[in-house]
């Protein structure tokens, strides 16, 4: 097996299952993500427009290659329902080479 691609994980949140599914499907269809996992509801505490907020959200854990990270971020910003979505991209180390190749194959531009 040749050199495996470098992977990143991206985190974002949405308000409900419908938004999570729509965003996940778009990311997969546009081949900027190989896998999107939706976590159980979480509670987010934050300050917005000078107000303290607490909201129920769903976290999306998105896997892609470092090469596709910018395209992923642009797609999230274009399609996300929030005015200012969380988009945090984390470099991965130690990914199984077979898994890394699978991610690479599923995020290659057509």
PDB file of N, CA and C in Angstrom:
ATOM      1  N   UNK A   1       0.851  -1.178   0.000  1.00  0.00           N
ATOM      2  CA  UNK A   1       0.000   0.000   0.000  1.00  0.00           C
ATOM      3  C   UNK A   1       0.894   1.238   0.000  1.00  0.00           C
ATOM      4  N   UNK A   2       0.611   2.173  -0.889  1.00  0.00           N
ATOM      5  CA  UNK A   2       1.421   3.387  -0.951  1.00  0.00           C
ATOM      6  C   UNK A   2       1.111   4.304   0.225  1.00  0.00           C
ATOM      7  N   UNK A   3       1.730   5.470   0.245  1.00  0.00           N
ATOM      8  CA  UNK A   3       1.604   6.414   1.354  1.00  0.00           C
ATOM      9  C   UNK A   3       0.140   6.823   1.580  1.00  0.00           C
ATOM     10  N   UNK A   4      -0.329   6.681   2.795  1.00  0.00           N
ATOM     11  CA  UNK A   4      -1.714   7.016   3.144  1.00  0.00           C
ATOM     12  C   UNK A   4      -1.875   8.535   3.239  1.00  0.00           C
ATOM     13  N   UNK A   5      -3.043   9.052   2.850  1.00  0.00           N
ATOM     14  CA  UNK A   5      -3.276  10.490   2.960  1.00  0.00           C
ATOM     15  C   UNK A   5      -3.358  10.941   4.421  1.00  0.00           C
ATOM     16  N   UNK A   6      -2.991  12.185   4.666  1.00  0.00           N
ATOM     17  CA  UNK A   6      -3.137  12.781   5.998  1.00  0.00           C
ATOM     18  C   UNK A   6      -4.616  13.087   6.226  1.00  0.00           C
ATOM     19  N   UNK A   7      -5.094  12.750   7.413  1.00  0.00           N
ATOM     20  CA  UNK A   7      -6.512  12.952   7.724  1.00  0.00           C
ATOM     21  C   UNK A   7      -6.709  14.107   8.683  1.00  0.00           C
ATOM     22  N   UNK A   8      -7.905  14.686   8.620  1.00  0.00           N
ATOM     23  CA  UNK A   8      -8.357  15.676   9.592  1.00  0.00           C
ATOM     24  C   UNK A   8      -9.759  15.297  10.037  1.00  0.00           C
ATOM     25  N   UNK A   9     -10.117  15.770  11.202  1.00  0.00           N
ATOM     26  CA  UNK A   9     -11.475  15.644  11.723  1.00  0.00           C
ATOM     27  C   UNK A   9     -12.005  17.055  11.901  1.00  0.00           C
ATOM     28  N   UNK A  10     -13.214  17.283  11.456  1.00  0.00           N
ATOM     29  CA  UNK A  10     -13.857  18.586  11.583  1.00  0.00           C
ATOM     30  C   UNK A  10     -15.049  18.437  12.519  1.00  0.00           C
ATOM     31  N   UNK A  11     -15.221  19.400  13.400  1.00  0.00           N
ATOM     32  CA  UNK A  11     -16.350  19.431  14.322  1.00  0.00           C
ATOM     33  C   UNK A  11     -17.236  20.625  14.001  1.00  0.00           C
ATOM     34  N   UNK A  12     -18.534  20.366  13.980  1.00  0.00           N
ATOM     35  CA  UNK A  12     -19.509  21.444  13.872  1.00  0.00           C
ATOM     36  C   UNK A  12     -20.753  21.000  14.639  1.00  0.00           C
ATOM     37  N   UNK A  13     -21.674  21.912  14.849  1.00  0.00           N
ATOM     38  CA  UNK A  13     -22.917  21.592  15.552  1.00  0.00           C
ATOM     39  C   UNK A  13     -24.102  22.162  14.777  1.00  0.00           C
ATOM     40  N   UNK A  14     -25.263  21.542  14.987  1.00  0.00           N
ATOM     41  CA  UNK A  14     -26.526  22.018  14.415  1.00  0.00           C
ATOM     42  C   UNK A  14     -27.609  21.869  15.468  1.00  0.00           C
ATOM     43  N   UNK A  15     -28.784  22.416  15.190  1.00  0.00           N
ATOM     44  CA  UNK A  15     -29.874  22.440  16.172  1.00  0.00           C
ATOM     45  C   UNK A  15     -30.691  21.161  16.257  1.00  0.00           C
ATOM     46  N   UNK A  16     -30.812  20.433  15.136  1.00  0.00           N
ATOM     47  CA  UNK A  16     -31.709  19.269  15.163  1.00  0.00           C
ATOM     48  C   UNK A  16     -31.282  18.212  14.149  1.00  0.00           C
ATOM     49  N   UNK A  17     -31.976  17.075  14.209  1.00  0.00           N
ATOM     50  CA  UNK A  17     -31.640  15.942  13.348  1.00  0.00           C
ATOM     51  C   UNK A  17     -31.810  16.260  11.865  1.00  0.00           C
ATOM     52  N   UNK A  18     -32.835  17.015  11.525  1.00  0.00           N
ATOM     53  CA  UNK A  18     -33.078  17.367  10.123  1.00  0.00           C
ATOM     54  C   UNK A  18     -31.899  18.158   9.560  1.00  0.00           C
ATOM     55  N   UNK A  19     -31.404  19.139  10.319  1.00  0.00           N
ATOM     56  CA  UNK A  19     -30.241  19.910   9.874  1.00  0.00           C
ATOM     57  C   UNK A  19     -29.006  19.020   9.784  1.00  0.00           C
ATOM     58  N   UNK A  20     -28.834  18.133  10.759  1.00  0.00           N
ATOM     59  CA  UNK A  20     -27.671  17.241  10.764  1.00  0.00           C
ATOM     60  C   UNK A  20     -27.673  16.343   9.532  1.00  0.00           C
ATOM     61  N   UNK A  21     -28.824  15.750   9.244  1.00  0.00           N
ATOM     62  CA  UNK A  21     -28.904  14.852   8.093  1.00  0.00           C
ATOM     63  C   UNK A  21     -28.691  15.602   6.783  1.00  0.00           C
ATOM     64  N   UNK A  22     -29.290  16.773   6.653  1.00  0.00           N
ATOM     65  CA  UNK A  22     -29.130  17.553   5.418  1.00  0.00           C
ATOM     66  C   UNK A  22     -27.670  17.931   5.200  1.00  0.00           C
ATOM     67  N   UNK A  23     -27.007  18.402   6.244  1.00  0.00           N
ATOM     68  CA  UNK A  23     -25.608  18.799   6.110  1.00  0.00           C
ATOM     69  C   UNK A  23     -24.733  17.582   5.826  1.00  0.00           C
ATOM     70  N   UNK A  24     -24.952  16.487   6.543  1.00  0.00           N
ATOM     71  CA  UNK A  24     -24.158  15.273   6.323  1.00  0.00           C
ATOM     72  C   UNK A  24     -24.296  14.790   4.879  1.00  0.00           C
ATOM     73  N   UNK A  25     -25.512  14.735   4.378  1.00  0.00           N
ATOM     74  CA  UNK A  25     -25.731  14.258   3.001  1.00  0.00           C
ATOM     75  C   UNK A  25     -25.047  15.168   1.984  1.00  0.00           C
ATOM     76  N   UNK A  26     -25.115  16.474   2.201  1.00  0.00           N
ATOM     77  CA  UNK A  26     -24.457  17.416   1.287  1.00  0.00           C
ATOM     78  C   UNK A  26     -22.946  17.203   1.291  1.00  0.00           C
ATOM     79  N   UNK A  27     -22.356  17.051   2.470  1.00  0.00           N
ATOM     80  CA  UNK A  27     -20.903  16.866   2.557  1.00  0.00           C
ATOM     81  C   UNK A  27     -20.463  15.589   1.852  1.00  0.00           C
ATOM     82  N   UNK A  28     -21.255  14.528   1.982  1.00  0.00           N
ATOM     83  CA  UNK A  28     -20.931  13.278   1.303  1.00  0.00           C
ATOM     84  C   UNK A  28     -21.136  13.404  -0.208  1.00  0.00           C
ATOM     85  N   UNK A  29     -22.231  14.008  -0.628  1.00  0.00           N
ATOM     86  CA  UNK A  29     -22.519  14.158  -2.055  1.00  0.00           C
ATOM     87  C   UNK A  29     -21.467  15.003  -2.759  1.00  0.00           C
ATOM     88  N   UNK A  30     -20.974  16.022  -2.064  1.00  0.00           N
ATOM     89  CA  UNK A  30     -19.966  16.895  -2.667  1.00  0.00           C
ATOM     90  C   UNK A  30     -18.554  16.336  -2.486  1.00  0.00           C
ATOM     91  N   UNK A  31     -18.447  15.159  -1.869  1.00  0.00           N
ATOM     92  CA  UNK A  31     -17.196  14.432  -1.688  1.00  0.00           C
ATOM     93  C   UNK A  31     -16.136  15.233  -0.932  1.00  0.00           C
ATOM     94  N   UNK A  32     -16.594  16.063  -0.003  1.00  0.00           N
ATOM     95  CA  UNK A  32     -15.662  16.775   0.875  1.00  0.00           C
ATOM     96  C   UNK A  32     -15.523  16.054   2.204  1.00  0.00           C
ATOM     97  N   UNK A  33     -16.314  15.006   2.408  1.00  0.00           N
ATOM     98  CA  UNK A  33     -16.244  14.176   3.610  1.00  0.00           C
ATOM     99  C   UNK A  33     -16.455  12.722   3.212  1.00  0.00           C
ATOM    100  N   UNK A  34     -15.752  11.834   3.905  1.00  0.00           N
ATOM    101  CA  UNK A  34     -15.938  10.403   3.685  1.00  0.00           C
ATOM    102  C   UNK A  34     -16.928   9.823   4.674  1.00  0.00           C
ATOM    103  N   UNK A  35     -17.029  10.445   5.848  1.00  0.00           N
ATOM    104  CA  UNK A  35     -17.886   9.929   6.912  1.00  0.00           C
ATOM    105  C   UNK A  35     -18.309  11.088   7.800  1.00  0.00           C
ATOM    106  N   UNK A  36     -19.564  11.093   8.176  1.00  0.00           N
ATOM    107  CA  UNK A  36     -20.077  12.093   9.114  1.00  0.00           C
ATOM    108  C   UNK A  36     -20.822  11.334  10.207  1.00  0.00           C
ATOM    109  N   UNK A  37     -20.392  11.523  11.432  1.00  0.00           N
ATOM    110  CA  UNK A  37     -21.076  10.916  12.568  1.00  0.00           C
ATOM    111  C   UNK A  37     -21.818  12.011  13.315  1.00  0.00           C
ATOM    112  N   UNK A  38     -23.031  11.695  13.736  1.00  0.00           N
ATOM    113  CA  UNK A  38     -23.852  12.642  14.479  1.00  0.00           C
ATOM    114  C   UNK A  38     -23.962  12.132  15.908  1.00  0.00           C
ATOM    115  N   UNK A  39     -23.451  12.920  16.844  1.00  0.00           N
ATOM    116  CA  UNK A  39     -23.495  12.566  18.262  1.00  0.00           C
ATOM    117  C   UNK A  39     -24.866  12.842  18.842  1.00  0.00           C
ATOM    118  N   UNK A  40     -25.137  12.171  19.959  1.00  0.00           N
ATOM    119  CA  UNK A  40     -26.359  12.410  20.724  1.00  0.00           C
ATOM    120  C   UNK A  40     -26.436  13.878  21.116  1.00  0.00           C
ATOM    121  N   UNK A  41     -27.604  14.315  21.502  1.00  0.00           N
ATOM    122  CA  UNK A  41     -27.719  15.729  21.889  1.00  0.00           C
ATOM    123  C   UNK A  41     -26.694  16.116  22.959  1.00  0.00           C
ATOM    124  N   UNK A  42     -26.168  17.302  22.768  1.00  0.00           N
ATOM    125  CA  UNK A  42     -25.241  17.905  23.722  1.00  0.00           C
ATOM    126  C   UNK A  42     -25.831  19.234  24.155  1.00  0.00           C
ATOM    127  N   UNK A  43     -25.318  19.790  25.229  1.00  0.00           N
ATOM    128  CA  UNK A  43     -25.708  21.137  25.645  1.00  0.00           C
ATOM    129  C   UNK A  43     -24.530  22.060  25.404  1.00  0.00           C
ATOM    130  N   UNK A  44     -24.768  23.125  24.694  1.00  0.00           N
ATOM    131  CA  UNK A  44     -23.734  24.105  24.396  1.00  0.00           C
ATOM    132  C   UNK A  44     -23.997  25.375  25.195  1.00  0.00           C
ATOM    133  N   UNK A  45     -22.982  25.821  25.892  1.00  0.00           N
ATOM    134  CA  UNK A  45     -23.019  27.060  26.671  1.00  0.00           C
ATOM    135  C   UNK A  45     -22.125  28.058  25.950  1.00  0.00           C
ATOM    136  N   UNK A  46     -22.647  29.239  25.640  1.00  0.00           N
ATOM    137  CA  UNK A  46     -21.868  30.221  24.890  1.00  0.00           C
ATOM    138  C   UNK A  46     -22.474  31.604  25.054  1.00  0.00           C
ATOM    139  N   UNK A  47     -21.740  32.597  24.609  1.00  0.00           N
ATOM    140  CA  UNK A  47     -22.210  33.981  24.621  1.00  0.00           C
ATOM    141  C   UNK A  47     -22.446  34.407  23.178  1.00  0.00           C
ATOM    142  N   UNK A  48     -23.639  34.952  22.892  1.00  0.00           N
ATOM    143  CA  UNK A  48     -23.970  35.412  21.535  1.00  0.00           C
ATOM    144  C   UNK A  48     -24.707  36.729  21.644  1.00  0.00           C
ATOM    145  N   UNK A  49     -24.228  37.734  20.915  1.00  0.00           N
ATOM    146  CA  UNK A  49     -24.819  39.068  20.955  1.00  0.00           C
ATOM    147  C   UNK A  49     -24.939  39.584  22.383  1.00  0.00           C
ATOM    148  N   UNK A  50     -23.918  39.312  23.204  1.00  0.00           N
ATOM    149  CA  UNK A  50     -23.881  39.810  24.572  1.00  0.00           C
ATOM    150  C   UNK A  50     -24.755  39.062  25.556  1.00  0.00           C
ATOM    151  N   UNK A  51     -25.366  37.962  25.119  1.00  0.00           N
ATOM    152  CA  UNK A  51     -26.237  37.185  26.002  1.00  0.00           C
ATOM    153  C   UNK A  51     -25.621  35.819  26.267  1.00  0.00           C
ATOM    154  N   UNK A  52     -25.787  35.347  27.505  1.00  0.00           N
ATOM    155  CA  UNK A  52     -25.401  33.978  27.829  1.00  0.00           C
ATOM    156  C   UNK A  52     -26.472  33.040  27.292  1.00  0.00           C
ATOM    157  N   UNK A  53     -26.054  32.003  26.577  1.00  0.00           N
ATOM    158  CA  UNK A  53     -26.994  31.081  25.949  1.00  0.00           C
ATOM    159  C   UNK A  53     -26.661  29.644  26.348  1.00  0.00           C
ATOM    160  N   UNK A  54     -27.696  28.827  26.392  1.00  0.00           N
ATOM    161  CA  UNK A  54     -27.570  27.388  26.571  1.00  0.00           C
ATOM    162  C   UNK A  54     -28.537  26.761  25.590  1.00  0.00           C
ATOM    163  N   UNK A  55     -28.006  25.914  24.704  1.00  0.00           N
ATOM    164  CA  UNK A  55     -28.850  25.298  23.683  1.00  0.00           C
ATOM    165  C   UNK A  55     -28.546  23.817  23.550  1.00  0.00           C
ATOM    166  N   UNK A  56     -29.563  23.080  23.161  1.00  0.00           N
ATOM    167  CA  UNK A  56     -29.408  21.675  22.800  1.00  0.00           C
ATOM    168  C   UNK A  56     -28.931  21.647  21.348  1.00  0.00           C
ATOM    169  N   UNK A  57     -27.867  20.916  21.093  1.00  0.00           N
ATOM    170  CA  UNK A  57     -27.351  20.797  19.739  1.00  0.00           C
ATOM    171  C   UNK A  57     -26.925  19.361  19.479  1.00  0.00           C
ATOM    172  N   UNK A  58     -26.675  19.073  18.220  1.00  0.00           N
ATOM    173  CA  UNK A  58     -26.076  17.811  17.806  1.00  0.00           C
ATOM    174  C   UNK A  58     -24.704  18.131  17.238  1.00  0.00           C
ATOM    175  N   UNK A  59     -23.714  17.323  17.630  1.00  0.00           N
ATOM    176  CA  UNK A  59     -22.360  17.534  17.121  1.00  0.00           C
ATOM    177  C   UNK A  59     -22.127  16.604  15.935  1.00  0.00           C
ATOM    178  N   UNK A  60     -21.557  17.160  14.876  1.00  0.00           N
ATOM    179  CA  UNK A  60     -21.153  16.374  13.726  1.00  0.00           C
ATOM    180  C   UNK A  60     -19.639  16.209  13.773  1.00  0.00           C
ATOM    181  N   UNK A  61     -19.191  14.976  13.642  1.00  0.00           N
ATOM    182  CA  UNK A  61     -17.772  14.639  13.580  1.00  0.00           C
ATOM    183  C   UNK A  61     -17.531  14.185  12.151  1.00  0.00           C
ATOM    184  N   UNK A  62     -16.745  14.964  11.427  1.00  0.00           N
ATOM    185  CA  UNK A  62     -16.609  14.803   9.987  1.00  0.00           C
ATOM    186  C   UNK A  62     -15.176  14.409   9.652  1.00  0.00           C
ATOM    187  N   UNK A  63     -15.007  13.333   8.866  1.00  0.00           N
ATOM    188  CA  UNK A  63     -13.678  12.880   8.486  1.00  0.00           C
ATOM    189  C   UNK A  63     -13.406  13.172   7.020  1.00  0.00           C
ATOM    190  N   UNK A  64     -12.212  13.743   6.768  1.00  0.00           N
ATOM    191  CA  UNK A  64     -11.775  14.021   5.407  1.00  0.00           C
ATOM    192  C   UNK A  64     -10.252  14.024   5.378  1.00  0.00           C
ATOM    193  N   UNK A  65      -9.701  14.317   4.227  1.00  0.00           N
ATOM    194  CA  UNK A  65      -8.246  14.430   4.108  1.00  0.00           C
ATOM    195  C   UNK A  65      -7.829  15.881   4.327  1.00  0.00           C
ATOM    196  N   UNK A  66      -6.587  16.064   4.706  1.00  0.00           N
ATOM    197  CA  UNK A  66      -6.062  17.432   4.864  1.00  0.00           C
ATOM    198  C   UNK A  66      -6.191  18.189   3.550  1.00  0.00           C
ATOM    199  N   UNK A  67      -6.015  17.495   2.435  1.00  0.00           N
ATOM    200  CA  UNK A  67      -6.115  18.105   1.109  1.00  0.00           C
ATOM    201  C   UNK A  67      -7.510  18.678   0.838  1.00  0.00           C
ATOM    202  N   UNK A  68      -8.548  18.066   1.402  1.00  0.00           N
ATOM    203  CA  UNK A  68      -9.924  18.500   1.155  1.00  0.00           C
ATOM    204  C   UNK A  68     -10.494  19.373   2.276  1.00  0.00           C
ATOM    205  N   UNK A  69      -9.676  19.687   3.277  1.00  0.00           N
ATOM    206  CA  UNK A  69     -10.157  20.434   4.448  1.00  0.00           C
ATOM    207  C   UNK A  69     -10.708  21.814   4.078  1.00  0.00           C
ATOM    208  N   UNK A  70     -10.050  22.523   3.196  1.00  0.00           N
ATOM    209  CA  UNK A  70     -10.530  23.858   2.813  1.00  0.00           C
ATOM    210  C   UNK A  70     -11.863  23.762   2.088  1.00  0.00           C
ATOM    211  N   UNK A  71     -11.982  22.808   1.181  1.00  0.00           N
ATOM    212  CA  UNK A  71     -13.256  22.618   0.469  1.00  0.00           C
ATOM    213  C   UNK A  71     -14.363  22.230   1.443  1.00  0.00           C
ATOM    214  N   UNK A  72     -14.037  21.393   2.423  1.00  0.00           N
ATOM    215  CA  UNK A  72     -15.010  21.023   3.454  1.00  0.00           C
ATOM    216  C   UNK A  72     -15.478  22.258   4.208  1.00  0.00           C
ATOM    217  N   UNK A  73     -14.530  23.071   4.669  1.00  0.00           N
ATOM    218  CA  UNK A  73     -14.883  24.280   5.420  1.00  0.00           C
ATOM    219  C   UNK A  73     -15.766  25.199   4.582  1.00  0.00           C
ATOM    220  N   UNK A  74     -15.428  25.400   3.331  1.00  0.00           N
ATOM    221  CA  UNK A  74     -16.221  26.269   2.461  1.00  0.00           C
ATOM    222  C   UNK A  74     -17.636  25.727   2.268  1.00  0.00           C
ATOM    223  N   UNK A  75     -17.758  24.417   2.132  1.00  0.00           N
ATOM    224  CA  UNK A  75     -19.080  23.813   1.963  1.00  0.00           C
ATOM    225  C   UNK A  75     -19.918  23.978   3.223  1.00  0.00           C
ATOM    226  N   UNK A  76     -19.309  23.748   4.386  1.00  0.00           N
ATOM    227  CA  UNK A  76     -20.043  23.937   5.635  1.00  0.00           C
ATOM    228  C   UNK A  76     -20.518  25.377   5.759  1.00  0.00           C
ATOM    229  N   UNK A  77     -19.640  26.334   5.509  1.00  0.00           N
ATOM    230  CA  UNK A  77     -20.015  27.742   5.642  1.00  0.00           C
ATOM    231  C   UNK A  77     -21.129  28.119   4.667  1.00  0.00           C
ATOM    232  N   UNK A  78     -21.126  27.523   3.490  1.00  0.00           N
ATOM    233  CA  UNK A  78     -22.148  27.806   2.473  1.00  0.00           C
ATOM    234  C   UNK A  78     -23.495  27.186   2.834  1.00  0.00           C
ATOM    235  N   UNK A  79     -23.494  26.008   3.437  1.00  0.00           N
ATOM    236  CA  UNK A  79     -24.732  25.245   3.634  1.00  0.00           C
ATOM    237  C   UNK A  79     -25.270  25.269   5.058  1.00  0.00           C
ATOM    238  N   UNK A  80     -24.499  25.731   5.997  1.00  0.00           N
ATOM    239  CA  UNK A  80     -24.882  25.640   7.408  1.00  0.00           C
ATOM    240  C   UNK A  80     -25.994  26.627   7.737  1.00  0.00           C
ATOM    241  N   UNK A  81     -26.964  26.217   8.567  1.00  0.00           N
ATOM    242  CA  UNK A  81     -28.081  27.116   8.893  1.00  0.00           C
ATOM    243  C   UNK A  81     -27.719  28.239   9.872  1.00  0.00           C
ATOM    244  N   UNK A  82     -26.597  28.156  10.580  1.00  0.00           N
ATOM    245  CA  UNK A  82     -26.237  29.188  11.557  1.00  0.00           C
ATOM    246  C   UNK A  82     -25.576  30.381  10.872  1.00  0.00           C
ATOM    247  N   UNK A  83     -25.722  31.566  11.486  1.00  0.00           N
ATOM    248  CA  UNK A  83     -25.021  32.758  10.988  1.00  0.00           C
ATOM    249  C   UNK A  83     -23.507  32.577  11.082  1.00  0.00           C
ATOM    250  N   UNK A  84     -23.045  32.026  12.192  1.00  0.00           N
ATOM    251  CA  UNK A  84     -21.621  31.770  12.395  1.00  0.00           C
ATOM    252  C   UNK A  84     -21.442  30.377  12.982  1.00  0.00           C
ATOM    253  N   UNK A  85     -21.333  29.374  12.111  1.00  0.00           N
ATOM    254  CA  UNK A  85     -21.191  28.009  12.618  1.00  0.00           C
ATOM    255  C   UNK A  85     -19.800  27.746  13.191  1.00  0.00           C
ATOM    256  N   UNK A  86     -19.771  26.791  14.107  1.00  0.00           N
ATOM    257  CA  UNK A  86     -18.491  26.264  14.573  1.00  0.00           C
ATOM    258  C   UNK A  86     -17.913  25.421  13.452  1.00  0.00           C
ATOM    259  N   UNK A  87     -16.682  25.710  13.064  1.00  0.00           N
ATOM    260  CA  UNK A  87     -15.948  24.861  12.136  1.00  0.00           C
ATOM    261  C   UNK A  87     -14.542  24.754  12.708  1.00  0.00           C
ATOM    262  N   UNK A  88     -14.268  23.625  13.353  1.00  0.00           N
ATOM    263  CA  UNK A  88     -12.969  23.387  13.968  1.00  0.00           C
ATOM    264  C   UNK A  88     -12.368  22.172  13.283  1.00  0.00           C
ATOM    265  N   UNK A  89     -11.186  22.354  12.691  1.00  0.00           N
ATOM    266  CA  UNK A  89     -10.529  21.273  11.967  1.00  0.00           C
ATOM    267  C   UNK A  89      -9.281  20.862  12.749  1.00  0.00           C
ATOM    268  N   UNK A  90      -9.208  19.563  13.063  1.00  0.00           N
ATOM    269  CA  UNK A  90      -8.130  19.017  13.875  1.00  0.00           C
ATOM    270  C   UNK A  90      -7.325  18.012  13.056  1.00  0.00           C
ATOM    271  N   UNK A  91      -5.998  18.164  13.061  1.00  0.00           N
ATOM    272  CA  UNK A  91      -5.143  17.180  12.407  1.00  0.00           C
ATOM    273  C   UNK A  91      -5.189  15.868  13.169  1.00  0.00           C
ATOM    274  N   UNK A  92      -5.117  14.777  12.441  1.00  0.00           N
ATOM    275  CA  UNK A  92      -5.119  13.440  13.041  1.00  0.00           C
ATOM    276  C   UNK A  92      -3.721  12.832  12.914  1.00  0.00           C
ATOM    277  N   UNK A  93      -3.390  12.013  13.863  1.00  0.00           N
ATOM    278  CA  UNK A  93      -2.167  11.233  13.749  1.00  0.00           C
ATOM    279  C   UNK A  93      -2.493   9.798  14.119  1.00  0.00           C
ATOM    280  N   UNK A  94      -1.764   8.881  13.547  1.00  0.00           N
ATOM    281  CA  UNK A  94      -1.933   7.486  13.890  1.00  0.00           C
ATOM    282  C   UNK A  94      -3.148   6.810  13.295  1.00  0.00           C
ATOM    283  N   UNK A  95      -3.736   7.386  12.260  1.00  0.00           N
ATOM    284  CA  UNK A  95      -4.893   6.737  11.622  1.00  0.00           C
ATOM    285  C   UNK A  95      -4.439   5.454  10.947  1.00  0.00           C
ATOM    286  N   UNK A  96      -5.263   4.439  11.020  1.00  0.00           N
ATOM    287  CA  UNK A  96      -4.974   3.193  10.330  1.00  0.00           C
ATOM    288  C   UNK A  96      -4.807   3.487   8.837  1.00  0.00           C
ATOM    289  N   UNK A  97      -3.735   3.012   8.213  1.00  0.00           N
ATOM    290  CA  UNK A  97      -3.512   3.313   6.789  1.00  0.00           C
ATOM    291  C   UNK A  97      -4.661   2.865   5.886  1.00  0.00           C
ATOM    292  N   UNK A  98      -5.258   1.713   6.174  1.00  0.00           N
ATOM    293  CA  UNK A  98      -6.384   1.263   5.360  1.00  0.00           C
ATOM    294  C   UNK A  98      -7.553   2.218   5.448  1.00  0.00           C
ATOM    295  N   UNK A  99      -7.846   2.692   6.662  1.00  0.00           N
ATOM    296  CA  UNK A  99      -8.928   3.658   6.854  1.00  0.00           C
ATOM    297  C   UNK A  99      -8.591   4.969   6.144  1.00  0.00           C
ATOM    298  N   UNK A 100      -7.345   5.423   6.282  1.00  0.00           N
ATOM    299  CA  UNK A 100      -6.929   6.673   5.638  1.00  0.00           C
ATOM    300  C   UNK A 100      -7.087   6.582   4.122  1.00  0.00           C
ATOM    301  N   UNK A 101      -6.734   5.439   3.540  1.00  0.00           N
ATOM    302  CA  UNK A 101      -6.917   5.270   2.095  1.00  0.00           C
ATOM    303  C   UNK A 101      -8.400   5.300   1.727  1.00  0.00           C
ATOM    304  N   UNK A 102      -9.241   4.672   2.556  1.00  0.00           N
ATOM    305  CA  UNK A 102     -10.680   4.690   2.296  1.00  0.00           C
ATOM    306  C   UNK A 102     -11.212   6.125   2.312  1.00  0.00           C
ATOM    307  N   UNK A 103     -10.792   6.920   3.308  1.00  0.00           N
ATOM    308  CA  UNK A 103     -11.207   8.328   3.363  1.00  0.00           C
ATOM    309  C   UNK A 103     -10.746   9.046   2.104  1.00  0.00           C
ATOM    310  N   UNK A 104      -9.496   8.825   1.716  1.00  0.00           N
ATOM    311  CA  UNK A 104      -8.974   9.461   0.508  1.00  0.00           C
ATOM    312  C   UNK A 104      -9.766   9.097  -0.737  1.00  0.00           C
ATOM    313  N   UNK A 105     -10.091   7.817  -0.882  1.00  0.00           N
ATOM    314  CA  UNK A 105     -10.864   7.364  -2.049  1.00  0.00           C
ATOM    315  C   UNK A 105     -12.249   7.998  -2.099  1.00  0.00           C
ATOM    316  N   UNK A 106     -12.834   8.244  -0.937  1.00  0.00           N
ATOM    317  CA  UNK A 106     -14.199   8.769  -0.878  1.00  0.00           C
ATOM    318  C   UNK A 106     -14.287  10.289  -0.845  1.00  0.00           C
ATOM    319  N   UNK A 107     -13.148  10.942  -0.904  1.00  0.00           N
ATOM    320  CA  UNK A 107     -13.138  12.409  -0.948  1.00  0.00           C
ATOM    321  C   UNK A 107     -12.412  12.941  -2.172  1.00  0.00           C
ATOM    322  N   UNK A 108     -12.057  12.059  -3.077  1.00  0.00           N
ATOM    323  CA  UNK A 108     -11.374  12.472  -4.293  1.00  0.00           C
ATOM    324  C   UNK A 108     -12.386  13.166  -5.197  1.00  0.00           C
ATOM    325  N   UNK A 109     -11.978  14.318  -5.711  1.00  0.00           N
ATOM    326  CA  UNK A 109     -12.871  15.047  -6.629  1.00  0.00           C
ATOM    327  C   UNK A 109     -13.071  14.220  -7.891  1.00  0.00           C
ATOM    328  N   UNK A 110     -14.296  14.250  -8.418  1.00  0.00           N
ATOM    329  CA  UNK A 110     -14.578  13.510  -9.656  1.00  0.00           C
ATOM    330  C   UNK A 110     -13.881  14.124 -10.841  1.00  0.00           C
TER     331      UNK A 110
END
